[in-house]
PDB file of N, CA and C in Angstrom:
ATOM      1  N   MET A   1       0.826  -1.186   0.000  1.00  0.00           N
ATOM      2  CA  MET A   1       0.000   0.000   0.000  1.00  0.00           C
ATOM      3  C   MET A   1       0.869   1.248   0.000  1.00  0.00           C
ATOM      4  N   GLU A   2       2.002   1.183   0.717  1.00  0.00           N
ATOM      5  CA  GLU A   2       2.893   2.319   0.793  1.00  0.00           C
ATOM      6  C   GLU A   2       3.573   2.580  -0.539  1.00  0.00           C
ATOM      7  N   GLN A   3       3.817   1.544  -1.284  1.00  0.00           N
ATOM      8  CA  GLN A   3       4.492   1.687  -2.557  1.00  0.00           C
ATOM      9  C   GLN A   3       3.608   2.375  -3.588  1.00  0.00           C
ATOM     10  N   VAL A   4       2.315   2.262  -3.462  1.00  0.00           N
ATOM     11  CA  VAL A   4       1.399   2.900  -4.407  1.00  0.00           C
ATOM     12  C   VAL A   4       1.478   4.412  -4.281  1.00  0.00           C
ATOM     13  N   ASN A   5       1.655   4.932  -3.078  1.00  0.00           N
ATOM     14  CA  ASN A   5       1.676   6.366  -2.838  1.00  0.00           C
ATOM     15  C   ASN A   5       3.038   7.005  -3.062  1.00  0.00           C
ATOM     16  N   LYS A   6       4.056   6.231  -3.399  1.00  0.00           N
ATOM     17  CA  LYS A   6       5.401   6.793  -3.587  1.00  0.00           C
ATOM     18  C   LYS A   6       5.691   7.021  -5.061  1.00  0.00           C
ATOM     19  N   LYS A   7       6.514   8.031  -5.312  1.00  0.00           N
ATOM     20  CA  LYS A   7       6.950   8.292  -6.679  1.00  0.00           C
ATOM     21  C   LYS A   7       7.936   7.217  -7.114  1.00  0.00           C
ATOM     22  N   GLU A   8       7.997   7.013  -8.421  1.00  0.00           N
ATOM     23  CA  GLU A   8       8.888   5.991  -8.942  1.00  0.00           C
ATOM     24  C   GLU A   8      10.352   6.387  -8.775  1.00  0.00           C
ATOM     25  N   ASP A   9      10.670   7.674  -8.906  1.00  0.00           N
ATOM     26  CA  ASP A   9      12.074   8.069  -8.905  1.00  0.00           C
ATOM     27  C   ASP A   9      12.598   8.437  -7.531  1.00  0.00           C
ATOM     28  N   GLY A  10      11.775   8.920  -6.610  1.00  0.00           N
ATOM     29  CA  GLY A  10      12.321   9.428  -5.370  1.00  0.00           C
ATOM     30  C   GLY A  10      12.016   8.598  -4.148  1.00  0.00           C
ATOM     31  N   GLY A  11      10.844   8.158  -3.997  1.00  0.00           N
ATOM     32  CA  GLY A  11      10.468   7.449  -2.799  1.00  0.00           C
ATOM     33  C   GLY A  11       9.684   8.314  -1.833  1.00  0.00           C
ATOM     34  N   LYS A  12       9.546   9.620  -2.154  1.00  0.00           N
ATOM     35  CA  LYS A  12       8.727  10.494  -1.321  1.00  0.00           C
ATOM     36  C   LYS A  12       7.259  10.276  -1.654  1.00  0.00           C
ATOM     37  N   PRO A  13       6.382  10.352  -0.670  1.00  0.00           N
ATOM     38  CA  PRO A  13       4.960  10.260  -0.986  1.00  0.00           C
ATOM     39  C   PRO A  13       4.509  11.492  -1.761  1.00  0.00           C
ATOM     40  N   LYS A  14       3.546  11.289  -2.653  1.00  0.00           N
ATOM     41  CA  LYS A  14       3.044  12.400  -3.473  1.00  0.00           C
ATOM     42  C   LYS A  14       2.155  13.298  -2.627  1.00  0.00           C
ATOM     43  N   ASN A  15       2.305  14.591  -2.818  1.00  0.00           N
ATOM     44  CA  ASN A  15       1.400  15.498  -2.132  1.00  0.00           C
ATOM     45  C   ASN A  15       0.190  15.769  -3.022  1.00  0.00           C
ATOM     46  N   PHE A  16      -0.717  16.532  -2.507  1.00  0.00           N
ATOM     47  CA  PHE A  16      -1.984  16.767  -3.198  1.00  0.00           C
ATOM     48  C   PHE A  16      -1.789  17.452  -4.541  1.00  0.00           C
ATOM     49  N   LEU A  17      -0.913  18.441  -4.601  1.00  0.00           N
ATOM     50  CA  LEU A  17      -0.716  19.186  -5.848  1.00  0.00           C
ATOM     51  C   LEU A  17      -0.119  18.315  -6.950  1.00  0.00           C
ATOM     52  N   GLU A  18       0.763  17.412  -6.577  1.00  0.00           N
ATOM     53  CA  GLU A  18       1.330  16.513  -7.582  1.00  0.00           C
ATOM     54  C   GLU A  18       0.281  15.563  -8.128  1.00  0.00           C
ATOM     55  N   LYS A  19      -0.644  15.138  -7.265  1.00  0.00           N
ATOM     56  CA  LYS A  19      -1.726  14.261  -7.724  1.00  0.00           C
ATOM     57  C   LYS A  19      -2.666  15.011  -8.666  1.00  0.00           C
ATOM     58  N   VAL A  20      -2.917  16.282  -8.368  1.00  0.00           N
ATOM     59  CA  VAL A  20      -3.804  17.080  -9.217  1.00  0.00           C
ATOM     60  C   VAL A  20      -3.175  17.309 -10.582  1.00  0.00           C
ATOM     61  N   LYS A  21      -1.861  17.527 -10.618  1.00  0.00           N
ATOM     62  CA  LYS A  21      -1.167  17.759 -11.886  1.00  0.00           C
ATOM     63  C   LYS A  21      -1.235  16.537 -12.787  1.00  0.00           C
ATOM     64  N   GLU A  22      -1.355  15.353 -12.189  1.00  0.00           N
ATOM     65  CA  GLU A  22      -1.425  14.134 -12.980  1.00  0.00           C
ATOM     66  C   GLU A  22      -2.746  13.986 -13.730  1.00  0.00           C
ATOM     67  N   ASN A  23      -3.777  14.651 -13.246  1.00  0.00           N
ATOM     68  CA  ASN A  23      -5.077  14.549 -13.911  1.00  0.00           C
ATOM     69  C   ASN A  23      -4.995  15.142 -15.310  1.00  0.00           C
ATOM     70  N   THR A  24      -5.616  14.484 -16.229  1.00  0.00           N
ATOM     71  CA  THR A  24      -5.614  14.978 -17.595  1.00  0.00           C
ATOM     72  C   THR A  24      -6.708  16.022 -17.773  1.00  0.00           C
ATOM     73  N   GLU A  25      -6.653  16.718 -18.876  1.00  0.00           N
ATOM     74  CA  GLU A  25      -7.662  17.734 -19.173  1.00  0.00           C
ATOM     75  C   GLU A  25      -9.049  17.110 -19.290  1.00  0.00           C
ATOM     76  N   ASP A  26      -9.119  15.902 -19.835  1.00  0.00           N
ATOM     77  CA  ASP A  26     -10.420  15.243 -19.982  1.00  0.00           C
ATOM     78  C   ASP A  26     -11.058  14.959 -18.630  1.00  0.00           C
ATOM     79  N   GLU A  27     -10.250  14.501 -17.674  1.00  0.00           N
ATOM     80  CA  GLU A  27     -10.785  14.223 -16.342  1.00  0.00           C
ATOM     81  C   GLU A  27     -11.279  15.501 -15.667  1.00  0.00           C
ATOM     82  N   LEU A  28     -10.533  16.580 -15.820  1.00  0.00           N
ATOM     83  CA  LEU A  28     -10.946  17.842 -15.229  1.00  0.00           C
ATOM     84  C   LEU A  28     -12.196  18.396 -15.901  1.00  0.00           C
ATOM     85  N   GLN A  29     -12.327  18.176 -17.207  1.00  0.00           N
ATOM     86  CA  GLN A  29     -13.520  18.615 -17.918  1.00  0.00           C
ATOM     87  C   GLN A  29     -14.745  17.842 -17.449  1.00  0.00           C
ATOM     88  N   ILE A  30     -14.585  16.556 -17.243  1.00  0.00           N
ATOM     89  CA  ILE A  30     -15.702  15.734 -16.759  1.00  0.00           C
ATOM     90  C   ILE A  30     -16.093  16.153 -15.353  1.00  0.00           C
ATOM     91  N   LEU A  31     -15.113  16.402 -14.498  1.00  0.00           N
ATOM     92  CA  LEU A  31     -15.389  16.855 -13.142  1.00  0.00           C
ATOM     93  C   LEU A  31     -16.119  18.202 -13.160  1.00  0.00           C
ATOM     94  N   GLY A  32     -15.668  19.121 -14.009  1.00  0.00           N
ATOM     95  CA  GLY A  32     -16.330  20.423 -14.124  1.00  0.00           C
ATOM     96  C   GLY A  32     -17.753  20.306 -14.603  1.00  0.00           C
ATOM     97  N   THR A  33     -18.002  19.377 -15.519  1.00  0.00           N
ATOM     98  CA  THR A  33     -19.361  19.167 -16.010  1.00  0.00           C
ATOM     99  C   THR A  33     -20.260  18.639 -14.898  1.00  0.00           C
ATOM    100  N   PHE A  34     -19.740  17.705 -14.105  1.00  0.00           N
ATOM    101  CA  PHE A  34     -20.536  17.174 -13.005  1.00  0.00           C
ATOM    102  C   PHE A  34     -20.815  18.228 -11.941  1.00  0.00           C
ATOM    103  N   VAL A  35     -19.863  19.099 -11.688  1.00  0.00           N
ATOM    104  CA  VAL A  35     -20.084  20.167 -10.714  1.00  0.00           C
ATOM    105  C   VAL A  35     -21.164  21.129 -11.219  1.00  0.00           C
ATOM    106  N   ARG A  36     -21.070  21.520 -12.496  1.00  0.00           N
ATOM    107  CA  ARG A  36     -22.090  22.415 -13.053  1.00  0.00           C
ATOM    108  C   ARG A  36     -23.465  21.753 -13.059  1.00  0.00           C
ATOM    109  N   LEU A  37     -23.505  20.470 -13.386  1.00  0.00           N
ATOM    110  CA  LEU A  37     -24.770  19.738 -13.386  1.00  0.00           C
ATOM    111  C   LEU A  37     -25.341  19.654 -11.975  1.00  0.00           C
ATOM    112  N   GLY A  38     -24.480  19.470 -10.997  1.00  0.00           N
ATOM    113  CA  GLY A  38     -24.929  19.459  -9.610  1.00  0.00           C
ATOM    114  C   GLY A  38     -25.516  20.785  -9.186  1.00  0.00           C
ATOM    115  N   VAL A  39     -24.920  21.886  -9.636  1.00  0.00           N
ATOM    116  CA  VAL A  39     -25.446  23.219  -9.315  1.00  0.00           C
ATOM    117  C   VAL A  39     -26.808  23.420  -9.974  1.00  0.00           C
ATOM    118  N   VAL A  40     -26.969  22.953 -11.213  1.00  0.00           N
ATOM    119  CA  VAL A  40     -28.259  23.075 -11.901  1.00  0.00           C
ATOM    120  C   VAL A  40     -29.326  22.268 -11.171  1.00  0.00           C
ATOM    121  N   VAL A  41     -29.003  21.052 -10.772  1.00  0.00           N
ATOM    122  CA  VAL A  41     -29.975  20.209 -10.077  1.00  0.00           C
ATOM    123  C   VAL A  41     -30.333  20.808  -8.719  1.00  0.00           C
ATOM    124  N   TRP A  42     -29.324  21.273  -7.970  1.00  0.00           N
ATOM    125  CA  TRP A  42     -29.582  21.866  -6.661  1.00  0.00           C
ATOM    126  C   TRP A  42     -30.465  23.104  -6.768  1.00  0.00           C
ATOM    127  N   SER A  43     -30.108  24.022  -7.663  1.00  0.00           N
ATOM    128  CA  SER A  43     -30.882  25.258  -7.768  1.00  0.00           C
ATOM    129  C   SER A  43     -32.271  24.988  -8.331  1.00  0.00           C
ATOM    130  N   GLY A  44     -32.396  24.048  -9.255  1.00  0.00           N
ATOM    131  CA  GLY A  44     -33.723  23.681  -9.756  1.00  0.00           C
ATOM    132  C   GLY A  44     -34.590  23.075  -8.672  1.00  0.00           C
ATOM    133  N   PHE A  45     -33.973  22.294  -7.792  1.00  0.00           N
ATOM    134  CA  PHE A  45     -34.711  21.703  -6.671  1.00  0.00           C
ATOM    135  C   PHE A  45     -35.201  22.782  -5.712  1.00  0.00           C
ATOM    136  N   ILE A  46     -34.358  23.768  -5.417  1.00  0.00           N
ATOM    137  CA  ILE A  46     -34.754  24.849  -4.506  1.00  0.00           C
ATOM    138  C   ILE A  46     -35.876  25.681  -5.123  1.00  0.00           C
ATOM    139  N   ILE A  47     -35.786  25.966  -6.408  1.00  0.00           N
ATOM    140  CA  ILE A  47     -36.841  26.725  -7.082  1.00  0.00           C
ATOM    141  C   ILE A  47     -38.139  25.932  -7.083  1.00  0.00           C
ATOM    142  N   THR A  48     -38.051  24.637  -7.334  1.00  0.00           N
ATOM    143  CA  THR A  48     -39.253  23.798  -7.335  1.00  0.00           C
ATOM    144  C   THR A  48     -39.886  23.761  -5.951  1.00  0.00           C
ATOM    145  N   LEU A  49     -39.082  23.671  -4.903  1.00  0.00           N
ATOM    146  CA  LEU A  49     -39.634  23.672  -3.548  1.00  0.00           C
ATOM    147  C   LEU A  49     -40.378  24.963  -3.236  1.00  0.00           C
ATOM    148  N   ASN A  50     -40.003  26.044  -3.874  1.00  0.00           N
ATOM    149  CA  ASN A  50     -40.681  27.309  -3.639  1.00  0.00           C
ATOM    150  C   ASN A  50     -42.119  27.288  -4.159  1.00  0.00           C
ATOM    151  N   TYR A  51     -42.369  26.520  -5.211  1.00  0.00           N
ATOM    152  CA  TYR A  51     -43.691  26.520  -5.840  1.00  0.00           C
ATOM    153  C   TYR A  51     -44.548  25.307  -5.479  1.00  0.00           C
ATOM    154  N   VAL A  52     -43.965  24.273  -4.882  1.00  0.00           N
ATOM    155  CA  VAL A  52     -44.699  23.068  -4.522  1.00  0.00           C
ATOM    156  C   VAL A  52     -45.081  23.148  -3.053  1.00  0.00           C
ATOM    157  N   ASN A  53     -46.332  22.826  -2.749  1.00  0.00           N
ATOM    158  CA  ASN A  53     -46.784  22.800  -1.364  1.00  0.00           C
ATOM    159  C   ASN A  53     -46.655  21.390  -0.821  1.00  0.00           C
ATOM    160  N   LEU A  54     -45.778  21.223   0.145  1.00  0.00           N
ATOM    161  CA  LEU A  54     -45.611  19.942   0.813  1.00  0.00           C
ATOM    162  C   LEU A  54     -46.281  20.016   2.178  1.00  0.00           C
ATOM    163  N   PRO A  55     -46.971  18.954   2.586  1.00  0.00           N
ATOM    164  CA  PRO A  55     -47.687  19.024   3.861  1.00  0.00           C
ATOM    165  C   PRO A  55     -46.783  19.165   5.079  1.00  0.00           C
ATOM    166  N   MET A  56     -45.550  18.690   5.000  1.00  0.00           N
ATOM    167  CA  MET A  56     -44.656  18.751   6.153  1.00  0.00           C
ATOM    168  C   MET A  56     -43.932  20.088   6.272  1.00  0.00           C
ATOM    169  N   ILE A  57     -43.897  20.876   5.198  1.00  0.00           N
ATOM    170  CA  ILE A  57     -43.137  22.121   5.194  1.00  0.00           C
ATOM    171  C   ILE A  57     -44.111  23.298   5.170  1.00  0.00           C
ATOM    172  N   GLU A  58     -44.038  24.116   6.205  1.00  0.00           N
ATOM    173  CA  GLU A  58     -44.873  25.309   6.284  1.00  0.00           C
ATOM    174  C   GLU A  58     -44.126  26.486   5.679  1.00  0.00           C
ATOM    175  N   LYS A  59     -44.801  27.227   4.826  1.00  0.00           N
ATOM    176  CA  LYS A  59     -44.194  28.413   4.223  1.00  0.00           C
ATOM    177  C   LYS A  59     -44.862  29.659   4.791  1.00  0.00           C
ATOM    178  N   GLY A  60     -44.140  30.749   4.719  1.00  0.00           N
ATOM    179  CA  GLY A  60     -44.706  32.013   5.135  1.00  0.00           C
ATOM    180  C   GLY A  60     -45.650  32.549   4.067  1.00  0.00           C
ATOM    181  N   GLN A  61     -46.166  33.724   4.284  1.00  0.00           N
ATOM    182  CA  GLN A  61     -47.104  34.330   3.342  1.00  0.00           C
ATOM    183  C   GLN A  61     -46.454  34.599   1.988  1.00  0.00           C
ATOM    184  N   SER A  62     -45.213  35.077   1.997  1.00  0.00           N
ATOM    185  CA  SER A  62     -44.557  35.436   0.748  1.00  0.00           C
ATOM    186  C   SER A  62     -43.949  34.231   0.039  1.00  0.00           C
ATOM    187  N   GLY A  63     -43.606  33.177   0.759  1.00  0.00           N
ATOM    188  CA  GLY A  63     -43.018  32.006   0.137  1.00  0.00           C
ATOM    189  C   GLY A  63     -41.509  32.081   0.014  1.00  0.00           C
ATOM    190  N   GLY A  64     -40.911  33.187   0.334  1.00  0.00           N
ATOM    191  CA  GLY A  64     -39.459  33.309   0.283  1.00  0.00           C
ATOM    192  C   GLY A  64     -38.988  33.970  -0.994  1.00  0.00           C
ATOM    193  N   ASP A  65     -37.794  34.517  -0.943  1.00  0.00           N
ATOM    194  CA  ASP A  65     -37.205  35.187  -2.092  1.00  0.00           C
ATOM    195  C   ASP A  65     -36.199  34.244  -2.742  1.00  0.00           C
ATOM    196  N   ILE A  66     -36.426  33.896  -3.999  1.00  0.00           N
ATOM    197  CA  ILE A  66     -35.545  32.967  -4.695  1.00  0.00           C
ATOM    198  C   ILE A  66     -34.755  33.659  -5.795  1.00  0.00           C
ATOM    199  N   THR A  67     -34.556  34.954  -5.673  1.00  0.00           N
ATOM    200  CA  THR A  67     -33.851  35.698  -6.707  1.00  0.00           C
ATOM    201  C   THR A  67     -32.422  35.197  -6.892  1.00  0.00           C
ATOM    202  N   PHE A  68     -31.709  34.991  -5.793  1.00  0.00           N
ATOM    203  CA  PHE A  68     -30.331  34.513  -5.893  1.00  0.00           C
ATOM    204  C   PHE A  68     -30.277  33.122  -6.506  1.00  0.00           C
ATOM    205  N   VAL A  69     -31.137  32.236  -6.055  1.00  0.00           N
ATOM    206  CA  VAL A  69     -31.136  30.867  -6.560  1.00  0.00           C
ATOM    207  C   VAL A  69     -31.508  30.852  -8.039  1.00  0.00           C
ATOM    208  N   ALA A  70     -32.445  31.712  -8.432  1.00  0.00           N
ATOM    209  CA  ALA A  70     -32.831  31.784  -9.841  1.00  0.00           C
ATOM    210  C   ALA A  70     -31.687  32.309 -10.704  1.00  0.00           C
ATOM    211  N   SER A  71     -30.913  33.249 -10.189  1.00  0.00           N
ATOM    212  CA  SER A  71     -29.774  33.749 -10.970  1.00  0.00           C
ATOM    213  C   SER A  71     -28.676  32.699 -11.071  1.00  0.00           C
ATOM    214  N   VAL A  72     -28.459  31.919 -10.013  1.00  0.00           N
ATOM    215  CA  VAL A  72     -27.489  30.825 -10.071  1.00  0.00           C
ATOM    216  C   VAL A  72     -27.952  29.775 -11.074  1.00  0.00           C
ATOM    217  N   PHE A  73     -29.245  29.467 -11.069  1.00  0.00           N
ATOM    218  CA  PHE A  73     -29.814  28.496 -12.004  1.00  0.00           C
ATOM    219  C   PHE A  73     -29.630  28.962 -13.445  1.00  0.00           C
ATOM    220  N   THR A  74     -29.939  30.232 -13.702  1.00  0.00           N
ATOM    221  CA  THR A  74     -29.798  30.776 -15.046  1.00  0.00           C
ATOM    222  C   THR A  74     -28.334  30.784 -15.488  1.00  0.00           C
ATOM    223  N   GLY A  75     -27.440  31.164 -14.594  1.00  0.00           N
ATOM    224  CA  GLY A  75     -26.018  31.173 -14.925  1.00  0.00           C
ATOM    225  C   GLY A  75     -25.473  29.780 -15.186  1.00  0.00           C
ATOM    226  N   ALA A  76     -25.905  28.807 -14.400  1.00  0.00           N
ATOM    227  CA  ALA A  76     -25.438  27.435 -14.601  1.00  0.00           C
ATOM    228  C   ALA A  76     -25.976  26.860 -15.905  1.00  0.00           C
ATOM    229  N   LEU A  77     -27.223  27.180 -16.237  1.00  0.00           N
ATOM    230  CA  LEU A  77     -27.773  26.726 -17.518  1.00  0.00           C
ATOM    231  C   LEU A  77     -27.045  27.382 -18.687  1.00  0.00           C
ATOM    232  N   ALA A  78     -26.635  28.621 -18.515  1.00  0.00           N
ATOM    233  CA  ALA A  78     -25.929  29.328 -19.590  1.00  0.00           C
ATOM    234  C   ALA A  78     -24.577  28.681 -19.881  1.00  0.00           C
ATOM    235  N   THR A  79     -23.960  28.067 -18.886  1.00  0.00           N
ATOM    236  CA  THR A  79     -22.687  27.400 -19.136  1.00  0.00           C
ATOM    237  C   THR A  79     -22.853  26.179 -20.024  1.00  0.00           C
ATOM    238  N   PHE A  80     -24.062  25.624 -20.066  1.00  0.00           N
ATOM    239  CA  PHE A  80     -24.359  24.511 -20.957  1.00  0.00           C
ATOM    240  C   PHE A  80     -24.881  24.992 -22.312  1.00  0.00           C
ATOM    241  N   GLY A  81     -25.028  26.294 -22.490  1.00  0.00           N
ATOM    242  CA  GLY A  81     -25.502  26.847 -23.752  1.00  0.00           C
ATOM    243  C   GLY A  81     -27.009  26.990 -23.815  1.00  0.00           C
ATOM    244  N   LEU A  82     -27.700  26.851 -22.702  1.00  0.00           N
ATOM    245  CA  LEU A  82     -29.150  26.999 -22.661  1.00  0.00           C
ATOM    246  C   LEU A  82     -29.504  28.368 -22.117  1.00  0.00           C
ATOM    247  N   THR A  83     -30.572  28.949 -22.623  1.00  0.00           N
ATOM    248  CA  THR A  83     -31.029  30.239 -22.116  1.00  0.00           C
ATOM    249  C   THR A  83     -32.465  30.124 -21.666  1.00  0.00           C
ATOM    250  N   THR A  84     -32.798  30.846 -20.626  1.00  0.00           N
ATOM    251  CA  THR A  84     -34.171  30.896 -20.143  1.00  0.00           C
ATOM    252  C   THR A  84     -34.689  32.291 -20.429  1.00  0.00           C
ATOM    253  N   SER A  85     -35.470  32.423 -21.481  1.00  0.00           N
ATOM    254  CA  SER A  85     -35.999  33.733 -21.831  1.00  0.00           C
ATOM    255  C   SER A  85     -37.449  33.586 -22.260  1.00  0.00           C
ATOM    256  N   ASN A  86     -38.162  34.667 -22.151  1.00  0.00           N
ATOM    257  CA  ASN A  86     -39.571  34.691 -22.509  1.00  0.00           C
ATOM    258  C   ASN A  86     -39.704  35.490 -23.797  1.00  0.00           C
ATOM    259  N   ASN A  87     -40.042  34.847 -24.904  1.00  0.00           N
ATOM    260  CA  ASN A  87     -40.114  35.509 -26.201  1.00  0.00           C
ATOM    261  C   ASN A  87     -41.554  35.712 -26.661  1.00  0.00           C
ATOM    262  N   LYS A  88     -42.481  35.937 -25.754  1.00  0.00           N
ATOM    263  CA  LYS A  88     -43.870  36.132 -26.149  1.00  0.00           C
ATOM    264  C   LYS A  88     -44.050  37.410 -26.964  1.00  0.00           C
ATOM    265  N   SER A  89     -43.371  38.481 -26.602  1.00  0.00           N
ATOM    266  CA  SER A  89     -43.514  39.744 -27.317  1.00  0.00           C
ATOM    267  C   SER A  89     -42.834  39.695 -28.682  1.00  0.00           C
ATOM    268  N   ASN A  90     -41.785  38.897 -28.829  1.00  0.00           N
ATOM    269  CA  ASN A  90     -41.054  38.814 -30.085  1.00  0.00           C
ATOM    270  C   ASN A  90     -41.626  37.782 -31.042  1.00  0.00           C
ATOM    271  N   SER A  91     -42.534  36.938 -30.586  1.00  0.00           N
ATOM    272  CA  SER A  91     -43.035  35.856 -31.434  1.00  0.00           C
ATOM    273  C   SER A  91     -43.891  36.391 -32.581  1.00  0.00           C
ATOM    274  N   LYS A  92     -44.551  37.518 -32.409  1.00  0.00           N
ATOM    275  CA  LYS A  92     -45.388  38.074 -33.476  1.00  0.00           C
ATOM    276  C   LYS A  92     -44.533  38.611 -34.620  1.00  0.00           C
ATOM    277  N   SER A  93     -43.453  39.275 -34.312  1.00  0.00           N
ATOM    278  CA  SER A  93     -42.635  39.890 -35.332  1.00  0.00           C
ATOM    279  C   SER A  93     -41.566  38.945 -35.901  1.00  0.00           C
ATOM    280  N   SER A  94     -41.322  37.816 -35.255  1.00  0.00           N
ATOM    281  CA  SER A  94     -40.272  36.937 -35.720  1.00  0.00           C
ATOM    282  C   SER A  94     -40.728  35.973 -36.814  1.00  0.00           C
ATOM    283  N   ASP A  95     -42.022  35.857 -37.053  1.00  0.00           N
ATOM    284  CA  ASP A  95     -42.526  34.944 -38.084  1.00  0.00           C
ATOM    285  C   ASP A  95     -42.500  35.633 -39.439  1.00  0.00           C
ATOM    286  N   PRO A  96     -41.652  35.227 -40.387  1.00  0.00           N
ATOM    287  CA  PRO A  96     -41.544  35.934 -41.660  1.00  0.00           C
ATOM    288  C   PRO A  96     -42.776  35.770 -42.555  1.00  0.00           C
ATOM    289  N   LYS A  97     -43.516  34.681 -42.397  1.00  0.00           N
ATOM    290  CA  LYS A  97     -44.710  34.470 -43.208  1.00  0.00           C
ATOM    291  C   LYS A  97     -45.799  35.470 -42.855  1.00  0.00           C
ATOM    292  N   LYS A  98     -45.933  35.816 -41.595  1.00  0.00           N
ATOM    293  CA  LYS A  98     -46.963  36.760 -41.176  1.00  0.00           C
ATOM    294  C   LYS A  98     -46.622  38.184 -41.583  1.00  0.00           C
ATOM    295  N   LYS A  99     -45.343  38.501 -41.774  1.00  0.00           N
ATOM    296  CA  LYS A  99     -44.966  39.839 -42.190  1.00  0.00           C
ATOM    297  C   LYS A  99     -45.433  40.118 -43.625  1.00  0.00           C
ATOM    298  N   ASP A 100     -45.375  39.096 -44.483  1.00  0.00           N
ATOM    299  CA  ASP A 100     -45.743  39.283 -45.880  1.00  0.00           C
ATOM    300  C   ASP A 100     -47.242  39.484 -46.052  1.00  0.00           C
ATOM    301  N   GLU A 101     -48.052  38.927 -45.170  1.00  0.00           N
ATOM    302  CA  GLU A 101     -49.515  39.009 -45.329  1.00  0.00           C
ATOM    303  C   GLU A 101     -50.091  40.289 -44.855  1.00  0.00           C
TER     304      GLU A 101
END
């Protein structure tokens, strides 16, 4: 077990920074994706709890302020290339067939 933690050339145990340097870019990219996905799931869960009435959880009159969580959710989704926008006002003018008529 001790031999696994030692470097091949020196015999000193590897410290944390040396272990991190060994990670390839692909491993770090996968880890970053999982972290971002975890943030999306967490913030989506908190937002959902704000709108769902559970019998065991009592809410106040206002239901709480989820502005920060919503901004984290939007930012995390943006890192995946997704946007949360409301295009109801632009839908009338964006259809080229309706412009000609």
